């Protein structure tokens, strides 16, 4: 159960950053690490692919320094879900923290 909750929080982080601009899996692993999440390629890439399959992200590939890099960006559907998540998070934090 806790793993599903953590993956949900990670997905919200991904949507947040992908709504502001293109992100890579490597960037998201580093960013999530700064927030205390322990991620690996075996965690982040399946999450990104699932989110893309759900229509929350779209990706494109480009070559950087001779290597193919996949860049992810939030779709309009992903941005709507992020806005809904923000409202629910705000409500939950207000109830739990009493602020």
PDB file of N, CA and C in Angstrom:
ATOM      1  N   UNK A   1       0.820  -1.192   0.000  1.00  0.00           N
ATOM      2  CA  UNK A   1       0.000   0.000   0.000  1.00  0.00           C
ATOM      3  C   UNK A   1       0.868   1.261   0.000  1.00  0.00           C
ATOM      4  N   UNK A   2       1.900   1.297   0.850  1.00  0.00           N
ATOM      5  CA  UNK A   2       2.766   2.468   0.932  1.00  0.00           C
ATOM      6  C   UNK A   2       3.478   2.710  -0.391  1.00  0.00           C
ATOM      7  N   UNK A   3       3.866   1.652  -1.070  1.00  0.00           N
ATOM      8  CA  UNK A   3       4.534   1.803  -2.362  1.00  0.00           C
ATOM      9  C   UNK A   3       3.624   2.520  -3.356  1.00  0.00           C
ATOM     10  N   UNK A   4       2.340   2.198  -3.354  1.00  0.00           N
ATOM     11  CA  UNK A   4       1.394   2.858  -4.259  1.00  0.00           C
ATOM     12  C   UNK A   4       1.243   4.332  -3.913  1.00  0.00           C
ATOM     13  N   UNK A   5       1.244   4.646  -2.637  1.00  0.00           N
ATOM     14  CA  UNK A   5       1.143   6.044  -2.209  1.00  0.00           C
ATOM     15  C   UNK A   5       2.374   6.815  -2.677  1.00  0.00           C
ATOM     16  N   UNK A   6       3.549   6.233  -2.454  1.00  0.00           N
ATOM     17  CA  UNK A   6       4.801   6.888  -2.855  1.00  0.00           C
ATOM     18  C   UNK A   6       4.834   7.078  -4.367  1.00  0.00           C
ATOM     19  N   UNK A   7       4.434   6.051  -5.122  1.00  0.00           N
ATOM     20  CA  UNK A   7       4.407   6.189  -6.581  1.00  0.00           C
ATOM     21  C   UNK A   7       3.429   7.282  -6.996  1.00  0.00           C
ATOM     22  N   UNK A   8       2.336   7.422  -6.267  1.00  0.00           N
ATOM     23  CA  UNK A   8       1.389   8.502  -6.547  1.00  0.00           C
ATOM     24  C   UNK A   8       2.018   9.868  -6.329  1.00  0.00           C
ATOM     25  N   UNK A   9       2.734  10.022  -5.220  1.00  0.00           N
ATOM     26  CA  UNK A   9       3.427  11.291  -4.961  1.00  0.00           C
ATOM     27  C   UNK A   9       4.474  11.553  -6.038  1.00  0.00           C
ATOM     28  N   UNK A  10       5.180  10.507  -6.422  1.00  0.00           N
ATOM     29  CA  UNK A  10       6.188  10.668  -7.470  1.00  0.00           C
ATOM     30  C   UNK A  10       5.539  11.103  -8.778  1.00  0.00           C
ATOM     31  N   UNK A  11       4.398  10.531  -9.103  1.00  0.00           N
ATOM     32  CA  UNK A  11       3.687  10.905 -10.320  1.00  0.00           C
ATOM     33  C   UNK A  11       3.267  12.364 -10.307  1.00  0.00           C
ATOM     34  N   UNK A  12       2.852  12.855  -9.141  1.00  0.00           N
ATOM     35  CA  UNK A  12       2.481  14.262  -9.019  1.00  0.00           C
ATOM     36  C   UNK A  12       3.706  15.148  -9.220  1.00  0.00           C
ATOM     37  N   UNK A  13       4.840  14.735  -8.662  1.00  0.00           N
ATOM     38  CA  UNK A  13       6.087  15.483  -8.889  1.00  0.00           C
ATOM     39  C   UNK A  13       6.414  15.525 -10.383  1.00  0.00           C
ATOM     40  N   UNK A  14       6.292  14.385 -11.040  1.00  0.00           N
ATOM     41  CA  UNK A  14       6.584  14.321 -12.477  1.00  0.00           C
ATOM     42  C   UNK A  14       5.662  15.283 -13.221  1.00  0.00           C
ATOM     43  N   UNK A  15       4.362  15.217 -12.949  1.00  0.00           N
ATOM     44  CA  UNK A  15       3.427  16.106 -13.634  1.00  0.00           C
ATOM     45  C   UNK A  15       3.753  17.572 -13.366  1.00  0.00           C
ATOM     46  N   UNK A  16       4.114  17.888 -12.139  1.00  0.00           N
ATOM     47  CA  UNK A  16       4.465  19.270 -11.806  1.00  0.00           C
ATOM     48  C   UNK A  16       5.601  19.768 -12.699  1.00  0.00           C
ATOM     49  N   UNK A  17       6.682  19.023 -12.751  1.00  0.00           N
ATOM     50  CA  UNK A  17       7.845  19.452 -13.534  1.00  0.00           C
ATOM     51  C   UNK A  17       7.582  19.370 -15.034  1.00  0.00           C
ATOM     52  N   UNK A  18       6.867  18.339 -15.459  1.00  0.00           N
ATOM     53  CA  UNK A  18       6.585  18.169 -16.891  1.00  0.00           C
ATOM     54  C   UNK A  18       5.563  19.185 -17.387  1.00  0.00           C
ATOM     55  N   UNK A  19       4.848  19.822 -16.479  1.00  0.00           N
ATOM     56  CA  UNK A  19       3.920  20.878 -16.898  1.00  0.00           C
ATOM     57  C   UNK A  19       4.664  22.196 -17.106  1.00  0.00           C
ATOM     58  N   UNK A  20       5.848  22.309 -16.535  1.00  0.00           N
ATOM     59  CA  UNK A  20       6.649  23.528 -16.656  1.00  0.00           C
ATOM     60  C   UNK A  20       7.619  23.464 -17.838  1.00  0.00           C
ATOM     61  N   UNK A  21       7.896  22.268 -18.335  1.00  0.00           N
ATOM     62  CA  UNK A  21       8.827  22.092 -19.445  1.00  0.00           C
ATOM     63  C   UNK A  21       9.181  20.635 -19.599  1.00  0.00           C
ATOM     64  N   UNK A  22       9.961  20.336 -20.610  1.00  0.00           N
ATOM     65  CA  UNK A  22      10.337  18.946 -20.857  1.00  0.00           C
ATOM     66  C   UNK A  22      11.290  18.451 -19.778  1.00  0.00           C
ATOM     67  N   UNK A  23      11.111  17.190 -19.394  1.00  0.00           N
ATOM     68  CA  UNK A  23      11.967  16.562 -18.389  1.00  0.00           C
ATOM     69  C   UNK A  23      12.468  15.233 -18.928  1.00  0.00           C
ATOM     70  N   UNK A  24      13.580  14.799 -18.395  1.00  0.00           N
ATOM     71  CA  UNK A  24      14.114  13.476 -18.711  1.00  0.00           C
ATOM     72  C   UNK A  24      13.969  12.587 -17.483  1.00  0.00           C
ATOM     73  N   UNK A  25      14.094  11.296 -17.691  1.00  0.00           N
ATOM     74  CA  UNK A  25      14.067  10.371 -16.568  1.00  0.00           C
ATOM     75  C   UNK A  25      15.195  10.651 -15.595  1.00  0.00           C
ATOM     76  N   UNK A  26      16.369  10.950 -16.127  1.00  0.00           N
ATOM     77  CA  UNK A  26      17.520  11.248 -15.265  1.00  0.00           C
ATOM     78  C   UNK A  26      17.243  12.483 -14.407  1.00  0.00           C
ATOM     79  N   UNK A  27      16.715  13.539 -15.029  1.00  0.00           N
ATOM     80  CA  UNK A  27      16.378  14.746 -14.264  1.00  0.00           C
ATOM     81  C   UNK A  27      15.397  14.410 -13.150  1.00  0.00           C
ATOM     82  N   UNK A  28      14.361  13.620 -13.473  1.00  0.00           N
ATOM     83  CA  UNK A  28      13.348  13.307 -12.468  1.00  0.00           C
ATOM     84  C   UNK A  28      13.930  12.462 -11.336  1.00  0.00           C
ATOM     85  N   UNK A  29      14.845  11.534 -11.643  1.00  0.00           N
ATOM     86  CA  UNK A  29      15.483  10.764 -10.563  1.00  0.00           C
ATOM     87  C   UNK A  29      16.258  11.698  -9.640  1.00  0.00           C
ATOM     88  N   UNK A  30      16.991  12.651 -10.220  1.00  0.00           N
ATOM     89  CA  UNK A  30      17.762  13.593  -9.405  1.00  0.00           C
ATOM     90  C   UNK A  30      16.834  14.498  -8.596  1.00  0.00           C
ATOM     91  N   UNK A  31      15.798  15.013  -9.233  1.00  0.00           N
ATOM     92  CA  UNK A  31      14.859  15.911  -8.553  1.00  0.00           C
ATOM     93  C   UNK A  31      14.133  15.183  -7.420  1.00  0.00           C
ATOM     94  N   UNK A  32      13.658  13.980  -7.693  1.00  0.00           N
ATOM     95  CA  UNK A  32      12.978  13.205  -6.647  1.00  0.00           C
ATOM     96  C   UNK A  32      13.939  12.875  -5.513  1.00  0.00           C
ATOM     97  N   UNK A  33      15.202  12.609  -5.845  1.00  0.00           N
ATOM     98  CA  UNK A  33      16.215  12.352  -4.819  1.00  0.00           C
ATOM     99  C   UNK A  33      16.389  13.538  -3.885  1.00  0.00           C
ATOM    100  N   UNK A  34      16.290  14.755  -4.436  1.00  0.00           N
ATOM    101  CA  UNK A  34      16.397  15.962  -3.600  1.00  0.00           C
ATOM    102  C   UNK A  34      15.239  16.060  -2.604  1.00  0.00           C
ATOM    103  N   UNK A  35      14.148  15.370  -2.913  1.00  0.00           N
ATOM    104  CA  UNK A  35      12.980  15.380  -2.023  1.00  0.00           C
ATOM    105  C   UNK A  35      12.929  14.138  -1.137  1.00  0.00           C
ATOM    106  N   UNK A  36      13.995  13.340  -1.160  1.00  0.00           N
ATOM    107  CA  UNK A  36      14.072  12.190  -0.274  1.00  0.00           C
ATOM    108  C   UNK A  36      13.563  10.878  -0.841  1.00  0.00           C
ATOM    109  N   UNK A  37      13.152  10.872  -2.114  1.00  0.00           N
ATOM    110  CA  UNK A  37      12.700   9.629  -2.734  1.00  0.00           C
ATOM    111  C   UNK A  37      13.910   8.852  -3.230  1.00  0.00           C
ATOM    112  N   UNK A  38      13.891   7.554  -3.009  1.00  0.00           N
ATOM    113  CA  UNK A  38      14.949   6.694  -3.534  1.00  0.00           C
ATOM    114  C   UNK A  38      14.431   6.072  -4.821  1.00  0.00           C
ATOM    115  N   UNK A  39      14.950   6.535  -5.934  1.00  0.00           N
ATOM    116  CA  UNK A  39      14.483   6.038  -7.220  1.00  0.00           C
ATOM    117  C   UNK A  39      15.626   5.414  -7.991  1.00  0.00           C
ATOM    118  N   UNK A  40      15.265   4.609  -8.941  1.00  0.00           N
ATOM    119  CA  UNK A  40      16.231   3.974  -9.826  1.00  0.00           C
ATOM    120  C   UNK A  40      15.616   3.981 -11.218  1.00  0.00           C
ATOM    121  N   UNK A  41      16.413   3.680 -12.231  1.00  0.00           N
ATOM    122  CA  UNK A  41      15.839   3.576 -13.574  1.00  0.00           C
ATOM    123  C   UNK A  41      14.692   2.565 -13.625  1.00  0.00           C
ATOM    124  N   UNK A  42      14.783   1.518 -12.819  1.00  0.00           N
ATOM    125  CA  UNK A  42      13.736   0.497 -12.789  1.00  0.00           C
ATOM    126  C   UNK A  42      12.436   0.973 -12.168  1.00  0.00           C
ATOM    127  N   UNK A  43      12.479   2.128 -11.514  1.00  0.00           N
ATOM    128  CA  UNK A  43      11.273   2.734 -10.940  1.00  0.00           C
ATOM    129  C   UNK A  43      10.762   3.864 -11.817  1.00  0.00           C
ATOM    130  N   UNK A  44      11.664   4.780 -12.192  1.00  0.00           N
ATOM    131  CA  UNK A  44      11.205   5.996 -12.867  1.00  0.00           C
ATOM    132  C   UNK A  44      10.748   5.732 -14.300  1.00  0.00           C
ATOM    133  N   UNK A  45      11.478   4.910 -15.043  1.00  0.00           N
ATOM    134  CA  UNK A  45      11.101   4.725 -16.448  1.00  0.00           C
ATOM    135  C   UNK A  45       9.776   3.978 -16.614  1.00  0.00           C
ATOM    136  N   UNK A  46       9.513   2.932 -15.839  1.00  0.00           N
ATOM    137  CA  UNK A  46       8.166   2.339 -15.933  1.00  0.00           C
ATOM    138  C   UNK A  46       7.071   3.337 -15.546  1.00  0.00           C
ATOM    139  N   UNK A  47       7.334   4.199 -14.553  1.00  0.00           N
ATOM    140  CA  UNK A  47       6.359   5.214 -14.165  1.00  0.00           C
ATOM    141  C   UNK A  47       6.109   6.183 -15.319  1.00  0.00           C
ATOM    142  N   UNK A  48       7.172   6.670 -15.939  1.00  0.00           N
ATOM    143  CA  UNK A  48       7.025   7.589 -17.072  1.00  0.00           C
ATOM    144  C   UNK A  48       6.267   6.931 -18.220  1.00  0.00           C
ATOM    145  N   UNK A  49       6.596   5.679 -18.515  1.00  0.00           N
ATOM    146  CA  UNK A  49       5.919   4.970 -19.607  1.00  0.00           C
ATOM    147  C   UNK A  49       4.440   4.752 -19.289  1.00  0.00           C
ATOM    148  N   UNK A  50       4.133   4.397 -18.047  1.00  0.00           N
ATOM    149  CA  UNK A  50       2.735   4.225 -17.643  1.00  0.00           C
ATOM    150  C   UNK A  50       1.967   5.533 -17.776  1.00  0.00           C
ATOM    151  N   UNK A  51       2.593   6.612 -17.338  1.00  0.00           N
ATOM    152  CA  UNK A  51       1.939   7.910 -17.423  1.00  0.00           C
ATOM    153  C   UNK A  51       1.724   8.321 -18.883  1.00  0.00           C
ATOM    154  N   UNK A  52       2.658   7.953 -19.728  1.00  0.00           N
ATOM    155  CA  UNK A  52       2.486   8.238 -21.157  1.00  0.00           C
ATOM    156  C   UNK A  52       1.360   7.379 -21.729  1.00  0.00           C
ATOM    157  N   UNK A  53       1.317   6.108 -21.352  1.00  0.00           N
ATOM    158  CA  UNK A  53       0.234   5.222 -21.814  1.00  0.00           C
ATOM    159  C   UNK A  53      -1.135   5.722 -21.353  1.00  0.00           C
ATOM    160  N   UNK A  54      -1.175   6.368 -20.189  1.00  0.00           N
ATOM    161  CA  UNK A  54      -2.427   6.905 -19.655  1.00  0.00           C
ATOM    162  C   UNK A  54      -2.801   8.235 -20.307  1.00  0.00           C
ATOM    163  N   UNK A  55      -1.924   8.765 -21.140  1.00  0.00           N
ATOM    164  CA  UNK A  55      -2.197  10.031 -21.800  1.00  0.00           C
ATOM    165  C   UNK A  55      -1.866  11.251 -20.960  1.00  0.00           C
ATOM    166  N   UNK A  56      -1.115  11.067 -19.871  1.00  0.00           N
ATOM    167  CA  UNK A  56      -0.757  12.176 -18.996  1.00  0.00           C
ATOM    168  C   UNK A  56       0.507  12.891 -19.457  1.00  0.00           C
ATOM    169  N   UNK A  57       1.363  12.150 -20.157  1.00  0.00           N
ATOM    170  CA  UNK A  57       2.614  12.683 -20.688  1.00  0.00           C
ATOM    171  C   UNK A  57       2.705  12.342 -22.168  1.00  0.00           C
ATOM    172  N   UNK A  58       3.483  13.127 -22.892  1.00  0.00           N
ATOM    173  CA  UNK A  58       3.871  12.761 -24.253  1.00  0.00           C
ATOM    174  C   UNK A  58       5.384  12.886 -24.288  1.00  0.00           C
ATOM    175  N   UNK A  59       5.994  12.135 -25.179  1.00  0.00           N
ATOM    176  CA  UNK A  59       7.450  12.173 -25.234  1.00  0.00           C
ATOM    177  C   UNK A  59       7.927  12.356 -26.666  1.00  0.00           C
ATOM    178  N   UNK A  60       9.150  12.791 -26.738  1.00  0.00           N
ATOM    179  CA  UNK A  60       9.847  12.869 -28.016  1.00  0.00           C
ATOM    180  C   UNK A  60      11.295  12.511 -27.745  1.00  0.00           C
ATOM    181  N   UNK A  61      11.992  12.151 -28.795  1.00  0.00           N
ATOM    182  CA  UNK A  61      13.393  11.766 -28.657  1.00  0.00           C
ATOM    183  C   UNK A  61      14.252  12.766 -29.401  1.00  0.00           C
ATOM    184  N   UNK A  62      15.371  13.106 -28.806  1.00  0.00           N
ATOM    185  CA  UNK A  62      16.356  13.928 -29.504  1.00  0.00           C
ATOM    186  C   UNK A  62      17.738  13.385 -29.181  1.00  0.00           C
ATOM    187  N   UNK A  63      18.706  13.787 -29.983  1.00  0.00           N
ATOM    188  CA  UNK A  63      20.080  13.340 -29.777  1.00  0.00           C
ATOM    189  C   UNK A  63      20.840  14.451 -29.078  1.00  0.00           C
ATOM    190  N   UNK A  64      21.476  14.082 -27.967  1.00  0.00           N
ATOM    191  CA  UNK A  64      22.318  15.008 -27.195  1.00  0.00           C
ATOM    192  C   UNK A  64      23.669  14.351 -26.988  1.00  0.00           C
ATOM    193  N   UNK A  65      24.700  15.014 -27.402  1.00  0.00           N
ATOM    194  CA  UNK A  65      26.063  14.472 -27.252  1.00  0.00           C
ATOM    195  C   UNK A  65      26.172  13.058 -27.815  1.00  0.00           C
ATOM    196  N   UNK A  66      25.509  12.837 -28.936  1.00  0.00           N
ATOM    197  CA  UNK A  66      25.577  11.542 -29.602  1.00  0.00           C
ATOM    198  C   UNK A  66      24.703  10.463 -28.991  1.00  0.00           C
ATOM    199  N   UNK A  67      23.909  10.810 -28.005  1.00  0.00           N
ATOM    200  CA  UNK A  67      23.034   9.832 -27.339  1.00  0.00           C
ATOM    201  C   UNK A  67      21.580  10.240 -27.512  1.00  0.00           C
ATOM    202  N   UNK A  68      20.736   9.229 -27.680  1.00  0.00           N
ATOM    203  CA  UNK A  68      19.299   9.490 -27.756  1.00  0.00           C
ATOM    204  C   UNK A  68      18.756   9.735 -26.360  1.00  0.00           C
ATOM    205  N   UNK A  69      17.985  10.805 -26.232  1.00  0.00           N
ATOM    206  CA  UNK A  69      17.387  11.173 -24.951  1.00  0.00           C
ATOM    207  C   UNK A  69      15.888  11.333 -25.173  1.00  0.00           C
ATOM    208  N   UNK A  70      15.103  10.747 -24.277  1.00  0.00           N
ATOM    209  CA  UNK A  70      13.647  10.902 -24.352  1.00  0.00           C
ATOM    210  C   UNK A  70      13.236  12.031 -23.416  1.00  0.00           C
ATOM    211  N   UNK A  71      12.467  12.968 -23.969  1.00  0.00           N
ATOM    212  CA  UNK A  71      11.979  14.124 -23.221  1.00  0.00           C
ATOM    213  C   UNK A  71      10.472  13.994 -23.040  1.00  0.00           C
ATOM    214  N   UNK A  72      10.012  14.227 -21.828  1.00  0.00           N
ATOM    215  CA  UNK A  72       8.599  14.092 -21.485  1.00  0.00           C
ATOM    216  C   UNK A  72       8.007  15.453 -21.150  1.00  0.00           C
ATOM    217  N   UNK A  73       6.770  15.640 -21.542  1.00  0.00           N
ATOM    218  CA  UNK A  73       6.036  16.881 -21.260  1.00  0.00           C
ATOM    219  C   UNK A  73       4.603  16.506 -20.907  1.00  0.00           C
ATOM    220  N   UNK A  74       4.002  17.234 -19.989  1.00  0.00           N
ATOM    221  CA  UNK A  74       2.615  16.974 -19.604  1.00  0.00           C
ATOM    222  C   UNK A  74       1.683  17.303 -20.769  1.00  0.00           C
ATOM    223  N   UNK A  75       0.671  16.495 -20.923  1.00  0.00           N
ATOM    224  CA  UNK A  75      -0.383  16.749 -21.906  1.00  0.00           C
ATOM    225  C   UNK A  75      -1.466  17.601 -21.231  1.00  0.00           C
ATOM    226  N   UNK A  76      -2.412  18.120 -21.999  1.00  0.00           N
ATOM    227  CA  UNK A  76      -3.522  18.830 -21.363  1.00  0.00           C
ATOM    228  C   UNK A  76      -4.243  17.958 -20.327  1.00  0.00           C
ATOM    229  N   UNK A  77      -4.398  16.669 -20.612  1.00  0.00           N
ATOM    230  CA  UNK A  77      -5.018  15.753 -19.650  1.00  0.00           C
ATOM    231  C   UNK A  77      -4.172  15.679 -18.374  1.00  0.00           C
ATOM    232  N   UNK A  78      -2.851  15.606 -18.525  1.00  0.00           N
ATOM    233  CA  UNK A  78      -1.955  15.567 -17.374  1.00  0.00           C
ATOM    234  C   UNK A  78      -2.017  16.848 -16.567  1.00  0.00           C
ATOM    235  N   UNK A  79      -2.120  17.973 -17.254  1.00  0.00           N
ATOM    236  CA  UNK A  79      -2.213  19.255 -16.556  1.00  0.00           C
ATOM    237  C   UNK A  79      -3.528  19.368 -15.792  1.00  0.00           C
ATOM    238  N   UNK A  80      -4.617  18.857 -16.365  1.00  0.00           N
ATOM    239  CA  UNK A  80      -5.902  18.869 -15.643  1.00  0.00           C
ATOM    240  C   UNK A  80      -5.821  17.987 -14.404  1.00  0.00           C
ATOM    241  N   UNK A  81      -5.205  16.816 -14.532  1.00  0.00           N
ATOM    242  CA  UNK A  81      -5.057  15.925 -13.385  1.00  0.00           C
ATOM    243  C   UNK A  81      -4.199  16.580 -12.308  1.00  0.00           C
ATOM    244  N   UNK A  82      -3.145  17.267 -12.710  1.00  0.00           N
ATOM    245  CA  UNK A  82      -2.290  17.962 -11.749  1.00  0.00           C
ATOM    246  C   UNK A  82      -3.082  19.017 -10.987  1.00  0.00           C
ATOM    247  N   UNK A  83      -3.913  19.779 -11.672  1.00  0.00           N
ATOM    248  CA  UNK A  83      -4.725  20.791 -10.999  1.00  0.00           C
ATOM    249  C   UNK A  83      -5.687  20.151 -10.007  1.00  0.00           C
ATOM    250  N   UNK A  84      -6.288  19.039 -10.390  1.00  0.00           N
ATOM    251  CA  UNK A  84      -7.175  18.324  -9.468  1.00  0.00           C
ATOM    252  C   UNK A  84      -6.396  17.812  -8.265  1.00  0.00           C
ATOM    253  N   UNK A  85      -5.199  17.273  -8.510  1.00  0.00           N
ATOM    254  CA  UNK A  85      -4.363  16.764  -7.414  1.00  0.00           C
ATOM    255  C   UNK A  85      -3.990  17.894  -6.462  1.00  0.00           C
ATOM    256  N   UNK A  86      -3.664  19.064  -7.005  1.00  0.00           N
ATOM    257  CA  UNK A  86      -3.322  20.207  -6.147  1.00  0.00           C
ATOM    258  C   UNK A  86      -4.477  20.568  -5.216  1.00  0.00           C
ATOM    259  N   UNK A  87      -5.687  20.571  -5.746  1.00  0.00           N
ATOM    260  CA  UNK A  87      -6.855  20.886  -4.913  1.00  0.00           C
ATOM    261  C   UNK A  87      -7.034  19.856  -3.806  1.00  0.00           C
ATOM    262  N   UNK A  88      -6.892  18.600  -4.159  1.00  0.00           N
ATOM    263  CA  UNK A  88      -7.053  17.541  -3.151  1.00  0.00           C
ATOM    264  C   UNK A  88      -5.940  17.588  -2.111  1.00  0.00           C
ATOM    265  N   UNK A  89      -4.719  17.874  -2.556  1.00  0.00           N
ATOM    266  CA  UNK A  89      -3.589  17.987  -1.631  1.00  0.00           C
ATOM    267  C   UNK A  89      -3.807  19.162  -0.692  1.00  0.00           C
ATOM    268  N   UNK A  90      -4.246  20.292  -1.243  1.00  0.00           N
ATOM    269  CA  UNK A  90      -4.510  21.486  -0.428  1.00  0.00           C
ATOM    270  C   UNK A  90      -5.561  21.165   0.647  1.00  0.00           C
ATOM    271  N   UNK A  91      -6.632  20.516   0.231  1.00  0.00           N
ATOM    272  CA  UNK A  91      -7.706  20.161   1.164  1.00  0.00           C
ATOM    273  C   UNK A  91      -7.195  19.203   2.239  1.00  0.00           C
ATOM    274  N   UNK A  92      -6.453  18.185   1.833  1.00  0.00           N
ATOM    275  CA  UNK A  92      -5.912  17.212   2.780  1.00  0.00           C
ATOM    276  C   UNK A  92      -4.959  17.863   3.768  1.00  0.00           C
ATOM    277  N   UNK A  93      -4.034  18.706   3.259  1.00  0.00           N
ATOM    278  CA  UNK A  93      -3.088  19.365   4.145  1.00  0.00           C
ATOM    279  C   UNK A  93      -3.795  20.282   5.122  1.00  0.00           C
ATOM    280  N   UNK A  94      -4.808  20.978   4.670  1.00  0.00           N
ATOM    281  CA  UNK A  94      -5.578  21.851   5.564  1.00  0.00           C
ATOM    282  C   UNK A  94      -6.230  21.026   6.666  1.00  0.00           C
ATOM    283  N   UNK A  95      -6.799  19.899   6.308  1.00  0.00           N
ATOM    284  CA  UNK A  95      -7.463  19.058   7.314  1.00  0.00           C
ATOM    285  C   UNK A  95      -6.444  18.440   8.275  1.00  0.00           C
ATOM    286  N   UNK A  96      -5.383  17.906   7.744  1.00  0.00           N
ATOM    287  CA  UNK A  96      -4.395  17.210   8.590  1.00  0.00           C
ATOM    288  C   UNK A  96      -3.593  18.188   9.443  1.00  0.00           C
ATOM    289  N   UNK A  97      -3.149  19.274   8.828  1.00  0.00           N
ATOM    290  CA  UNK A  97      -2.290  20.217   9.531  1.00  0.00           C
ATOM    291  C   UNK A  97      -3.050  21.316  10.245  1.00  0.00           C
ATOM    292  N   UNK A  98      -4.342  21.416   9.956  1.00  0.00           N
ATOM    293  CA  UNK A  98      -5.181  22.408  10.614  1.00  0.00           C
ATOM    294  C   UNK A  98      -4.867  23.835  10.228  1.00  0.00           C
ATOM    295  N   UNK A  99      -4.344  23.999   9.034  1.00  0.00           N
ATOM    296  CA  UNK A  99      -3.993  25.369   8.580  1.00  0.00           C
ATOM    297  C   UNK A  99      -4.973  25.850   7.556  1.00  0.00           C
TER     298      UNK A  99
END
